[in-house]
PDB file of N, CA and C in Angstrom:
ATOM      1  N   MET A   1     -12.654 -19.271  -7.433  1.00  0.00           N
ATOM      2  CA  MET A   1     -12.052 -19.684  -6.174  1.00  0.00           C
ATOM      3  C   MET A   1     -10.528 -19.640  -6.265  1.00  0.00           C
ATOM      4  N   VAL A   2      -9.971 -19.961  -7.412  1.00  0.00           N
ATOM      5  CA  VAL A   2      -8.516 -19.945  -7.588  1.00  0.00           C
ATOM      6  C   VAL A   2      -7.977 -18.531  -7.369  1.00  0.00           C
ATOM      7  N   ALA A   3      -8.652 -17.536  -7.908  1.00  0.00           N
ATOM      8  CA  ALA A   3      -8.215 -16.147  -7.735  1.00  0.00           C
ATOM      9  C   ALA A   3      -8.267 -15.748  -6.260  1.00  0.00           C
ATOM     10  N   ALA A   4      -9.287 -16.202  -5.548  1.00  0.00           N
ATOM     11  CA  ALA A   4      -9.427 -15.883  -4.129  1.00  0.00           C
ATOM     12  C   ALA A   4      -8.315 -16.526  -3.311  1.00  0.00           C
ATOM     13  N   VAL A   5      -7.981 -17.761  -3.610  1.00  0.00           N
ATOM     14  CA  VAL A   5      -6.896 -18.455  -2.906  1.00  0.00           C
ATOM     15  C   VAL A   5      -5.571 -17.757  -3.200  1.00  0.00           C
ATOM     16  N   SER A   6      -5.358 -17.374  -4.432  1.00  0.00           N
ATOM     17  CA  SER A   6      -4.137 -16.679  -4.813  1.00  0.00           C
ATOM     18  C   SER A   6      -4.007 -15.350  -4.067  1.00  0.00           C
ATOM     19  N   LEU A   7      -5.093 -14.612  -3.981  1.00  0.00           N
ATOM     20  CA  LEU A   7      -5.116 -13.345  -3.247  1.00  0.00           C
ATOM     21  C   LEU A   7      -4.786 -13.586  -1.778  1.00  0.00           C
ATOM     22  N   TYR A   8      -5.361 -14.607  -1.196  1.00  0.00           N
ATOM     23  CA  TYR A   8      -5.118 -14.973   0.209  1.00  0.00           C
ATOM     24  C   TYR A   8      -3.640 -15.282   0.430  1.00  0.00           C
ATOM     25  N   ARG A   9      -3.073 -16.103  -0.429  1.00  0.00           N
ATOM     26  CA  ARG A   9      -1.685 -16.547  -0.252  1.00  0.00           C
ATOM     27  C   ARG A   9      -0.662 -15.436  -0.494  1.00  0.00           C
ATOM     28  N   SER A  10      -1.035 -14.402  -1.218  1.00  0.00           N
ATOM     29  CA  SER A  10      -0.072 -13.378  -1.612  1.00  0.00           C
ATOM     30  C   SER A  10       0.199 -12.320  -0.539  1.00  0.00           C
ATOM     31  N   SER A  11      -0.486 -12.387   0.598  1.00  0.00           N
ATOM     32  CA  SER A  11      -0.289 -11.369   1.634  1.00  0.00           C
ATOM     33  C   SER A  11      -0.522 -11.945   3.029  1.00  0.00           C
ATOM     34  N   LYS A  12       0.478 -11.787   3.891  1.00  0.00           N
ATOM     35  CA  LYS A  12       0.345 -12.225   5.294  1.00  0.00           C
ATOM     36  C   LYS A  12      -0.732 -11.408   6.001  1.00  0.00           C
ATOM     37  N   TYR A  13      -0.847 -10.122   5.651  1.00  0.00           N
ATOM     38  CA  TYR A  13      -1.889  -9.296   6.256  1.00  0.00           C
ATOM     39  C   TYR A  13      -3.273  -9.837   5.915  1.00  0.00           C
ATOM     40  N   ARG A  14      -3.495 -10.165   4.644  1.00  0.00           N
ATOM     41  CA  ARG A  14      -4.794 -10.724   4.243  1.00  0.00           C
ATOM     42  C   ARG A  14      -5.067 -12.020   4.993  1.00  0.00           C
ATOM     43  N   GLN A  15      -4.057 -12.876   5.072  1.00  0.00           N
ATOM     44  CA  GLN A  15      -4.231 -14.146   5.774  1.00  0.00           C
ATOM     45  C   GLN A  15      -4.625 -13.915   7.224  1.00  0.00           C
ATOM     46  N   LYS A  16      -3.901 -13.046   7.912  1.00  0.00           N
ATOM     47  CA  LYS A  16      -4.186 -12.792   9.327  1.00  0.00           C
ATOM     48  C   LYS A  16      -5.595 -12.236   9.524  1.00  0.00           C
ATOM     49  N   ILE A  17      -5.984 -11.307   8.670  1.00  0.00           N
ATOM     50  CA  ILE A  17      -7.301 -10.679   8.809  1.00  0.00           C
ATOM     51  C   ILE A  17      -8.418 -11.676   8.497  1.00  0.00           C
ATOM     52  N   LEU A  18      -8.271 -12.449   7.437  1.00  0.00           N
ATOM     53  CA  LEU A  18      -9.304 -13.436   7.107  1.00  0.00           C
ATOM     54  C   LEU A  18      -9.424 -14.491   8.202  1.00  0.00           C
ATOM     55  N   ILE A  19      -8.308 -14.966   8.722  1.00  0.00           N
ATOM     56  CA  ILE A  19      -8.355 -15.953   9.802  1.00  0.00           C
ATOM     57  C   ILE A  19      -8.998 -15.336  11.045  1.00  0.00           C
ATOM     58  N   CYS A  20      -8.671 -14.091  11.332  1.00  0.00           N
ATOM     59  CA  CYS A  20      -9.253 -13.398  12.485  1.00  0.00           C
ATOM     60  C   CYS A  20     -10.781 -13.311  12.363  1.00  0.00           C
ATOM     61  N   LEU A  21     -11.274 -13.107  11.160  1.00  0.00           N
ATOM     62  CA  LEU A  21     -12.718 -12.964  10.939  1.00  0.00           C
ATOM     63  C   LEU A  21     -13.458 -14.301  10.858  1.00  0.00           C
ATOM     64  N   ALA A  22     -12.737 -15.406  10.818  1.00  0.00           N
ATOM     65  CA  ALA A  22     -13.381 -16.717  10.696  1.00  0.00           C
ATOM     66  C   ALA A  22     -14.350 -16.934  11.861  1.00  0.00           C
ATOM     67  N   GLY A  23     -15.627 -16.995  11.525  1.00  0.00           N
ATOM     68  CA  GLY A  23     -16.663 -17.258  12.524  1.00  0.00           C
ATOM     69  C   GLY A  23     -17.019 -16.067  13.396  1.00  0.00           C
ATOM     70  N   LYS A  24     -16.526 -14.871  13.051  1.00  0.00           N
ATOM     71  CA  LYS A  24     -16.775 -13.692  13.878  1.00  0.00           C
ATOM     72  C   LYS A  24     -17.208 -12.511  13.031  1.00  0.00           C
ATOM     73  N   THR A  25     -17.813 -11.547  13.695  1.00  0.00           N
ATOM     74  CA  THR A  25     -18.111 -10.248  13.114  1.00  0.00           C
ATOM     75  C   THR A  25     -17.328  -9.240  13.947  1.00  0.00           C
ATOM     76  N   MET A  26     -16.489  -8.431  13.291  1.00  0.00           N
ATOM     77  CA  MET A  26     -15.600  -7.539  14.023  1.00  0.00           C
ATOM     78  C   MET A  26     -15.482  -6.185  13.343  1.00  0.00           C
ATOM     79  N   THR A  27     -15.084  -5.186  14.137  1.00  0.00           N
ATOM     80  CA  THR A  27     -14.763  -3.867  13.607  1.00  0.00           C
ATOM     81  C   THR A  27     -13.289  -3.850  13.206  1.00  0.00           C
ATOM     82  N   PRO A  28     -12.900  -2.912  12.351  1.00  0.00           N
ATOM     83  CA  PRO A  28     -11.485  -2.802  12.004  1.00  0.00           C
ATOM     84  C   PRO A  28     -10.583  -2.601  13.229  1.00  0.00           C
ATOM     85  N   SER A  29     -11.037  -1.838  14.207  1.00  0.00           N
ATOM     86  CA  SER A  29     -10.246  -1.617  15.425  1.00  0.00           C
ATOM     87  C   SER A  29     -10.029  -2.915  16.195  1.00  0.00           C
ATOM     88  N   GLU A  30     -11.061  -3.731  16.290  1.00  0.00           N
ATOM     89  CA  GLU A  30     -10.932  -5.021  16.973  1.00  0.00           C
ATOM     90  C   GLU A  30      -9.954  -5.930  16.231  1.00  0.00           C
ATOM     91  N   ILE A  31     -10.042  -5.928  14.912  1.00  0.00           N
ATOM     92  CA  ILE A  31      -9.135  -6.743  14.095  1.00  0.00           C
ATOM     93  C   ILE A  31      -7.698  -6.279  14.310  1.00  0.00           C
ATOM     94  N   ALA A  32      -7.480  -4.968  14.259  1.00  0.00           N
ATOM     95  CA  ALA A  32      -6.136  -4.405  14.414  1.00  0.00           C
ATOM     96  C   ALA A  32      -5.525  -4.821  15.755  1.00  0.00           C
ATOM     97  N   LYS A  33      -6.306  -4.743  16.819  1.00  0.00           N
ATOM     98  CA  LYS A  33      -5.810  -5.133  18.140  1.00  0.00           C
ATOM     99  C   LYS A  33      -5.493  -6.619  18.204  1.00  0.00           C
ATOM    100  N   GLN A  34      -6.365  -7.425  17.646  1.00  0.00           N
ATOM    101  CA  GLN A  34      -6.193  -8.874  17.738  1.00  0.00           C
ATOM    102  C   GLN A  34      -5.001  -9.381  16.927  1.00  0.00           C
ATOM    103  N   VAL A  35      -4.787  -8.836  15.743  1.00  0.00           N
ATOM    104  CA  VAL A  35      -3.724  -9.364  14.883  1.00  0.00           C
ATOM    105  C   VAL A  35      -2.435  -8.552  14.929  1.00  0.00           C
ATOM    106  N   GLY A  36      -2.463  -7.403  15.597  1.00  0.00           N
ATOM    107  CA  GLY A  36      -1.258  -6.607  15.736  1.00  0.00           C
ATOM    108  C   GLY A  36      -0.837  -5.877  14.472  1.00  0.00           C
ATOM    109  N   ILE A  37      -1.810  -5.424  13.703  1.00  0.00           N
ATOM    110  CA  ILE A  37      -1.557  -4.657  12.485  1.00  0.00           C
ATOM    111  C   ILE A  37      -2.168  -3.277  12.685  1.00  0.00           C
ATOM    112  N   ARG A  38      -1.478  -2.244  12.215  1.00  0.00           N
ATOM    113  CA  ARG A  38      -1.996  -0.886  12.378  1.00  0.00           C
ATOM    114  C   ARG A  38      -3.354  -0.742  11.701  1.00  0.00           C
ATOM    115  N   LEU A  39      -4.198   0.083  12.319  1.00  0.00           N
ATOM    116  CA  LEU A  39      -5.576   0.264  11.859  1.00  0.00           C
ATOM    117  C   LEU A  39      -5.652   0.708  10.405  1.00  0.00           C
ATOM    118  N   ASN A  40      -4.766   1.617   9.982  1.00  0.00           N
ATOM    119  CA  ASN A  40      -4.845   2.076   8.591  1.00  0.00           C
ATOM    120  C   ASN A  40      -4.537   0.938   7.613  1.00  0.00           C
ATOM    121  N   HIS A  41      -3.651   0.024   7.997  1.00  0.00           N
ATOM    122  CA  HIS A  41      -3.371  -1.136   7.152  1.00  0.00           C
ATOM    123  C   HIS A  41      -4.574  -2.082   7.115  1.00  0.00           C
ATOM    124  N   VAL A  42      -5.199  -2.291   8.263  1.00  0.00           N
ATOM    125  CA  VAL A  42      -6.379  -3.157   8.325  1.00  0.00           C
ATOM    126  C   VAL A  42      -7.478  -2.597   7.425  1.00  0.00           C
ATOM    127  N   SER A  43      -7.718  -1.309   7.501  1.00  0.00           N
ATOM    128  CA  SER A  43      -8.761  -0.685   6.682  1.00  0.00           C
ATOM    129  C   SER A  43      -8.473  -0.836   5.195  1.00  0.00           C
ATOM    130  N   MET A  44      -7.205  -0.646   4.816  1.00  0.00           N
ATOM    131  CA  MET A  44      -6.820  -0.780   3.414  1.00  0.00           C
ATOM    132  C   MET A  44      -7.013  -2.226   2.930  1.00  0.00           C
ATOM    133  N   VAL A  45      -6.605  -3.184   3.744  1.00  0.00           N
ATOM    134  CA  VAL A  45      -6.750  -4.593   3.377  1.00  0.00           C
ATOM    135  C   VAL A  45      -8.223  -4.976   3.297  1.00  0.00           C
ATOM    136  N   LEU A  46      -9.032  -4.516   4.240  1.00  0.00           N
ATOM    137  CA  LEU A  46     -10.466  -4.818   4.213  1.00  0.00           C
ATOM    138  C   LEU A  46     -11.117  -4.291   2.941  1.00  0.00           C
ATOM    139  N   THR A  47     -10.705  -3.118   2.492  1.00  0.00           N
ATOM    140  CA  THR A  47     -11.246  -2.562   1.248  1.00  0.00           C
ATOM    141  C   THR A  47     -10.961  -3.496   0.075  1.00  0.00           C
ATOM    142  N   GLY A  48      -9.735  -3.993  -0.003  1.00  0.00           N
ATOM    143  CA  GLY A  48      -9.379  -4.927  -1.072  1.00  0.00           C
ATOM    144  C   GLY A  48     -10.107  -6.251  -0.961  1.00  0.00           C
ATOM    145  N   LEU A  49     -10.248  -6.751   0.261  1.00  0.00           N
ATOM    146  CA  LEU A  49     -10.957  -8.018   0.479  1.00  0.00           C
ATOM    147  C   LEU A  49     -12.439  -7.882   0.136  1.00  0.00           C
ATOM    148  N   LYS A  50     -12.990  -6.711   0.407  1.00  0.00           N
ATOM    149  CA  LYS A  50     -14.392  -6.460   0.059  1.00  0.00           C
ATOM    150  C   LYS A  50     -14.574  -6.438  -1.459  1.00  0.00           C
ATOM    151  N   LYS A  51     -13.650  -5.784  -2.159  1.00  0.00           N
ATOM    152  CA  LYS A  51     -13.719  -5.746  -3.629  1.00  0.00           C
ATOM    153  C   LYS A  51     -13.584  -7.140  -4.223  1.00  0.00           C
ATOM    154  N   ALA A  52     -12.836  -8.010  -3.547  1.00  0.00           N
ATOM    155  CA  ALA A  52     -12.639  -9.388  -4.012  1.00  0.00           C
ATOM    156  C   ALA A  52     -13.764 -10.314  -3.530  1.00  0.00           C
ATOM    157  N   SER A  53     -14.755  -9.762  -2.857  1.00  0.00           N
ATOM    158  CA  SER A  53     -15.914 -10.509  -2.334  1.00  0.00           C
ATOM    159  C   SER A  53     -15.526 -11.586  -1.323  1.00  0.00           C
ATOM    160  N   LEU A  54     -14.490 -11.311  -0.529  1.00  0.00           N
ATOM    161  CA  LEU A  54     -14.094 -12.246   0.533  1.00  0.00           C
ATOM    162  C   LEU A  54     -14.635 -11.815   1.889  1.00  0.00           C
ATOM    163  N   VAL A  55     -14.909 -10.512   2.037  1.00  0.00           N
ATOM    164  CA  VAL A  55     -15.547 -10.003   3.251  1.00  0.00           C
ATOM    165  C   VAL A  55     -16.695  -9.099   2.844  1.00  0.00           C
ATOM    166  N   THR A  56     -17.585  -8.876   3.784  1.00  0.00           N
ATOM    167  CA  THR A  56     -18.687  -7.954   3.563  1.00  0.00           C
ATOM    168  C   THR A  56     -18.820  -7.045   4.771  1.00  0.00           C
ATOM    169  N   CYS A  57     -19.243  -5.816   4.528  1.00  0.00           N
ATOM    170  CA  CYS A  57     -19.506  -4.863   5.601  1.00  0.00           C
ATOM    171  C   CYS A  57     -21.015  -4.876   5.853  1.00  0.00           C
ATOM    172  N   LEU A  58     -21.384  -5.132   7.098  1.00  0.00           N
ATOM    173  CA  LEU A  58     -22.801  -5.267   7.433  1.00  0.00           C
ATOM    174  C   LEU A  58     -23.515  -3.931   7.597  1.00  0.00           C
ATOM    175  N   ASN A  59     -22.758  -2.883   7.893  1.00  0.00           N
ATOM    176  CA  ASN A  59     -23.375  -1.571   8.098  1.00  0.00           C
ATOM    177  C   ASN A  59     -22.569  -0.495   7.369  1.00  0.00           C
ATOM    178  N   GLU A  60     -22.523  -0.623   6.083  1.00  0.00           N
ATOM    179  CA  GLU A  60     -21.725   0.235   5.207  1.00  0.00           C
ATOM    180  C   GLU A  60     -22.015   1.718   5.406  1.00  0.00           C
ATOM    181  N   HIS A  61     -23.224   2.066   5.762  1.00  0.00           N
ATOM    182  CA  HIS A  61     -23.615   3.467   5.905  1.00  0.00           C
ATOM    183  C   HIS A  61     -22.963   4.143   7.109  1.00  0.00           C
ATOM    184  N   ASN A  62     -22.478   3.394   8.081  1.00  0.00           N
ATOM    185  CA  ASN A  62     -21.828   3.968   9.260  1.00  0.00           C
ATOM    186  C   ASN A  62     -20.406   4.413   8.941  1.00  0.00           C
ATOM    187  N   LYS A  63     -20.023   5.558   9.483  1.00  0.00           N
ATOM    188  CA  LYS A  63     -18.646   6.025   9.334  1.00  0.00           C
ATOM    189  C   LYS A  63     -17.746   5.331  10.352  1.00  0.00           C
ATOM    190  N   ARG A  64     -18.257   5.070  11.527  1.00  0.00           N
ATOM    191  CA  ARG A  64     -17.501   4.422  12.605  1.00  0.00           C
ATOM    192  C   ARG A  64     -18.218   3.152  13.029  1.00  0.00           C
ATOM    193  N   GLY A  65     -17.444   2.220  13.534  1.00  0.00           N
ATOM    194  CA  GLY A  65     -18.033   0.993  14.040  1.00  0.00           C
ATOM    195  C   GLY A  65     -18.551   0.056  12.966  1.00  0.00           C
ATOM    196  N   ARG A  66     -17.953   0.123  11.791  1.00  0.00           N
ATOM    197  CA  ARG A  66     -18.367  -0.787  10.720  1.00  0.00           C
ATOM    198  C   ARG A  66     -18.057  -2.221  11.122  1.00  0.00           C
ATOM    199  N   LEU A  67     -18.970  -3.112  10.814  1.00  0.00           N
ATOM    200  CA  LEU A  67     -18.828  -4.522  11.157  1.00  0.00           C
ATOM    201  C   LEU A  67     -18.561  -5.336   9.901  1.00  0.00           C
ATOM    202  N   TYR A  68     -17.512  -6.132   9.970  1.00  0.00           N
ATOM    203  CA  TYR A  68     -17.111  -6.970   8.838  1.00  0.00           C
ATOM    204  C   TYR A  68     -17.216  -8.436   9.208  1.00  0.00           C
ATOM    205  N   GLU A  69     -17.555  -9.238   8.206  1.00  0.00           N
ATOM    206  CA  GLU A  69     -17.546 -10.688   8.360  1.00  0.00           C
ATOM    207  C   GLU A  69     -17.175 -11.316   7.022  1.00  0.00           C
ATOM    208  N   LEU A  70     -16.800 -12.577   7.079  1.00  0.00           N
ATOM    209  CA  LEU A  70     -16.443 -13.289   5.856  1.00  0.00           C
ATOM    210  C   LEU A  70     -17.681 -13.579   5.023  1.00  0.00           C
ATOM    211  N   THR A  71     -17.513 -13.559   3.716  1.00  0.00           N
ATOM    212  CA  THR A  71     -18.558 -14.025   2.816  1.00  0.00           C
ATOM    213  C   THR A  71     -18.439 -15.549   2.737  1.00  0.00           C
ATOM    214  N   GLU A  72     -19.331 -16.172   2.015  1.00  0.00           N
ATOM    215  CA  GLU A  72     -19.242 -17.626   1.816  1.00  0.00           C
ATOM    216  C   GLU A  72     -17.921 -17.990   1.132  1.00  0.00           C
ATOM    217  N   THR A  73     -17.537 -17.215   0.147  1.00  0.00           N
ATOM    218  CA  THR A  73     -16.252 -17.466  -0.532  1.00  0.00           C
ATOM    219  C   THR A  73     -15.091 -17.297   0.437  1.00  0.00           C
ATOM    220  N   GLY A  74     -15.146 -16.270   1.251  1.00  0.00           N
ATOM    221  CA  GLY A  74     -14.101 -16.044   2.246  1.00  0.00           C
ATOM    222  C   GLY A  74     -13.991 -17.204   3.223  1.00  0.00           C
ATOM    223  N   ARG A  75     -15.135 -17.727   3.659  1.00  0.00           N
ATOM    224  CA  ARG A  75     -15.134 -18.889   4.570  1.00  0.00           C
ATOM    225  C   ARG A  75     -14.526 -20.114   3.892  1.00  0.00           C
ATOM    226  N   LYS A  76     -14.847 -20.316   2.629  1.00  0.00           N
ATOM    227  CA  LYS A  76     -14.297 -21.459   1.893  1.00  0.00           C
ATOM    228  C   LYS A  76     -12.781 -21.341   1.749  1.00  0.00           C
ATOM    229  N   VAL A  77     -12.297 -20.154   1.440  1.00  0.00           N
ATOM    230  CA  VAL A  77     -10.854 -19.945   1.275  1.00  0.00           C
ATOM    231  C   VAL A  77     -10.126 -20.223   2.583  1.00  0.00           C
ATOM    232  N   VAL A  78     -10.604 -19.653   3.681  1.00  0.00           N
ATOM    233  CA  VAL A  78      -9.951 -19.853   4.981  1.00  0.00           C
ATOM    234  C   VAL A  78     -10.000 -21.325   5.369  1.00  0.00           C
ATOM    235  N   SER A  79     -11.141 -21.949   5.175  1.00  0.00           N
ATOM    236  CA  SER A  79     -11.277 -23.368   5.508  1.00  0.00           C
ATOM    237  C   SER A  79     -10.330 -24.225   4.666  1.00  0.00           C
ATOM    238  N   HIS A  80     -10.292 -23.956   3.380  1.00  0.00           N
ATOM    239  CA  HIS A  80      -9.436 -24.721   2.465  1.00  0.00           C
ATOM    240  C   HIS A  80      -7.963 -24.538   2.812  1.00  0.00           C
ATOM    241  N   GLU A  81      -7.555 -23.316   3.057  1.00  0.00           N
ATOM    242  CA  GLU A  81      -6.142 -23.007   3.315  1.00  0.00           C
ATOM    243  C   GLU A  81      -5.667 -23.454   4.689  1.00  0.00           C
ATOM    244  N   ASN A  82      -6.591 -23.693   5.598  1.00  0.00           N
ATOM    245  CA  ASN A  82      -6.226 -24.146   6.931  1.00  0.00           C
ATOM    246  C   ASN A  82      -6.478 -25.652   7.115  1.00  0.00           C
ATOM    247  N   GLY A  83      -6.708 -26.327   6.001  1.00  0.00           N
ATOM    248  CA  GLY A  83      -6.813 -27.790   6.038  1.00  0.00           C
ATOM    249  C   GLY A  83      -8.095 -28.344   6.584  1.00  0.00           C
ATOM    250  N   ASN A  84      -9.159 -27.544   6.627  1.00  0.00           N
ATOM    251  CA  ASN A  84     -10.425 -28.020   7.168  1.00  0.00           C
ATOM    252  C   ASN A  84     -11.310 -28.677   6.123  1.00  0.00           C
ATOM    253  N   SER A  85     -10.896 -28.593   4.846  1.00  0.00           N
ATOM    254  CA  SER A  85     -11.629 -29.286   3.780  1.00  0.00           C
ATOM    255  C   SER A  85     -10.699 -29.452   2.598  1.00  0.00           C
ATOM    256  N   ASN A  86     -11.129 -30.203   1.599  1.00  0.00           N
ATOM    257  CA  ASN A  86     -10.289 -30.439   0.413  1.00  0.00           C
ATOM    258  C   ASN A  86     -10.544 -29.439  -0.664  1.00  0.00           C
TER     259      ASN A  86
END
């Protein structure tokens, strides 16, 4: 969990994307529009977050319209960092 929190804190892009995904399932395009980050940056950040097991892709086999959501660890990090738990 410490590594996940450190990863979260080290990038504003990661923070924005993880907060955007809190309680939602979204495509990279939807995330980009909502947080105001270019799509290629969102895709790159999602790849890193997936490798860190903070997000998961629900339909990995699709080339377009991939759906992402937070993992349990991702939910804990966002909740912890936003003061919703200790």
